[in-house]
Each structure stands twice: as C-alpha cells, then as structure tokens.
Amino acid sequence: MQTTLYGLRKAKGLTQKELAKELGISELSYRNKELGKNEFTQDEMFFLSRYFNERMDKIFLPRK
C-alpha cells in the first residue's frame, strides 16, 4: 500500500505535509499512515480514492 500511495502523491508533486493538510490531519499522522505504522480511517481512504481518482482497493490492498 505505501508504495502505491507514495507514488500517487509524488506523481501529483505533493509533499506529505500538503496531503496531510488536505486530509485535515497532522504531517506526522499522515507520515505514519503512509508508512503503514497506522491505518487510515474509512473517511480518509474514501477521500484519497476520490482525490487520486483511483479505486480504494488499488491504493490500500496489498499487491500479489
């Protein structure tokens, strides 16, 4: 998951701080979630899915 989300964020030229602000969370909280140390809430996953125009499963489910 973290690789996909990292790639999507970088492709848009966003920093963790900028995306955290879009989500309404702290930069530290976002960083920990992107690294897989904490989980995104359902609302955050829905927001990111819409923000990046990608299906939630593509962003958040592990790839085989």
Protein backbone atom coordinates (compact mmCIF):
# COMPACT_ATOMS: atom_id res chain seq x y z
CA MET A 1 0.00 0.00 0.00
CA GLN A 2 2.61 2.54 0.99
CA THR A 3 4.39 2.29 -2.38
CA THR A 4 1.19 2.96 -4.30
CA LEU A 5 0.14 5.90 -2.15
CA TYR A 6 3.68 7.28 -2.16
CA GLY A 7 3.77 7.04 -5.96
CA LEU A 8 0.39 8.73 -6.37
CA ARG A 9 1.41 11.54 -4.04
CA LYS A 10 4.75 12.06 -5.79
CA ALA A 11 3.11 11.97 -9.24
CA LYS A 12 0.98 14.94 -8.17
CA GLY A 13 4.03 16.73 -6.80
CA LEU A 14 2.66 16.79 -3.26
CA THR A 15 4.56 16.67 -0.01
CA GLN A 16 3.34 14.69 2.97
CA LYS A 17 2.60 18.00 4.68
CA GLU A 18 0.41 19.18 1.80
CA LEU A 19 -1.58 15.96 1.60
CA ALA A 20 -1.94 15.86 5.39
CA LYS A 21 -3.45 19.35 5.22
CA GLU A 22 -5.91 18.17 2.55
CA LEU A 23 -6.94 15.32 4.88
CA GLY A 24 -7.12 17.58 7.93
CA ILE A 25 -4.53 15.59 9.90
CA SER A 26 -1.02 16.31 11.12
CA GLU A 27 2.00 15.66 8.95
CA LEU A 28 3.26 13.11 11.49
CA SER A 29 -0.05 11.26 11.45
CA TYR A 30 -0.04 11.17 7.66
CA ARG A 31 3.59 10.01 7.52
CA ASN A 32 2.88 7.14 9.92
CA LYS A 33 -0.14 6.10 7.87
CA GLU A 34 1.72 6.25 4.57
CA LEU A 35 4.48 4.11 6.08
CA GLY A 36 1.93 1.57 7.31
CA LYS A 37 2.56 2.23 11.00
CA ASN A 38 -1.04 3.36 11.49
CA GLU A 39 -4.18 2.78 9.46
CA PHE A 40 -6.18 5.32 7.50
CA THR A 41 -9.79 5.78 8.58
CA GLN A 42 -12.55 4.84 6.15
CA ASP A 43 -13.24 8.52 5.53
CA GLU A 44 -9.56 9.15 4.77
CA MET A 45 -9.43 6.18 2.40
CA PHE A 46 -12.54 7.40 0.60
CA PHE A 47 -11.10 10.92 0.34
CA LEU A 48 -7.78 9.67 -1.05
CA SER A 49 -9.54 7.41 -3.52
CA ARG A 50 -11.53 10.35 -4.88
CA TYR A 51 -8.57 12.74 -4.68
CA PHE A 52 -6.36 10.47 -6.81
CA ASN A 53 -9.25 9.10 -8.90
CA GLU A 54 -8.26 5.51 -8.07
CA ARG A 55 -10.20 2.61 -6.60
CA MET A 56 -9.66 2.10 -2.88
CA ASP A 57 -8.57 -1.50 -3.38
CA LYS A 58 -5.86 -0.39 -5.79
CA ILE A 59 -4.47 2.04 -3.23
CA PHE A 60 -4.96 0.19 0.05
CA LEU A 61 -4.91 -3.56 -0.58
CA PRO A 62 -1.57 -5.34 -0.84
CA ARG A 63 -0.49 -6.39 -4.30
CA LYS A 64 0.15 -10.04 -5.05
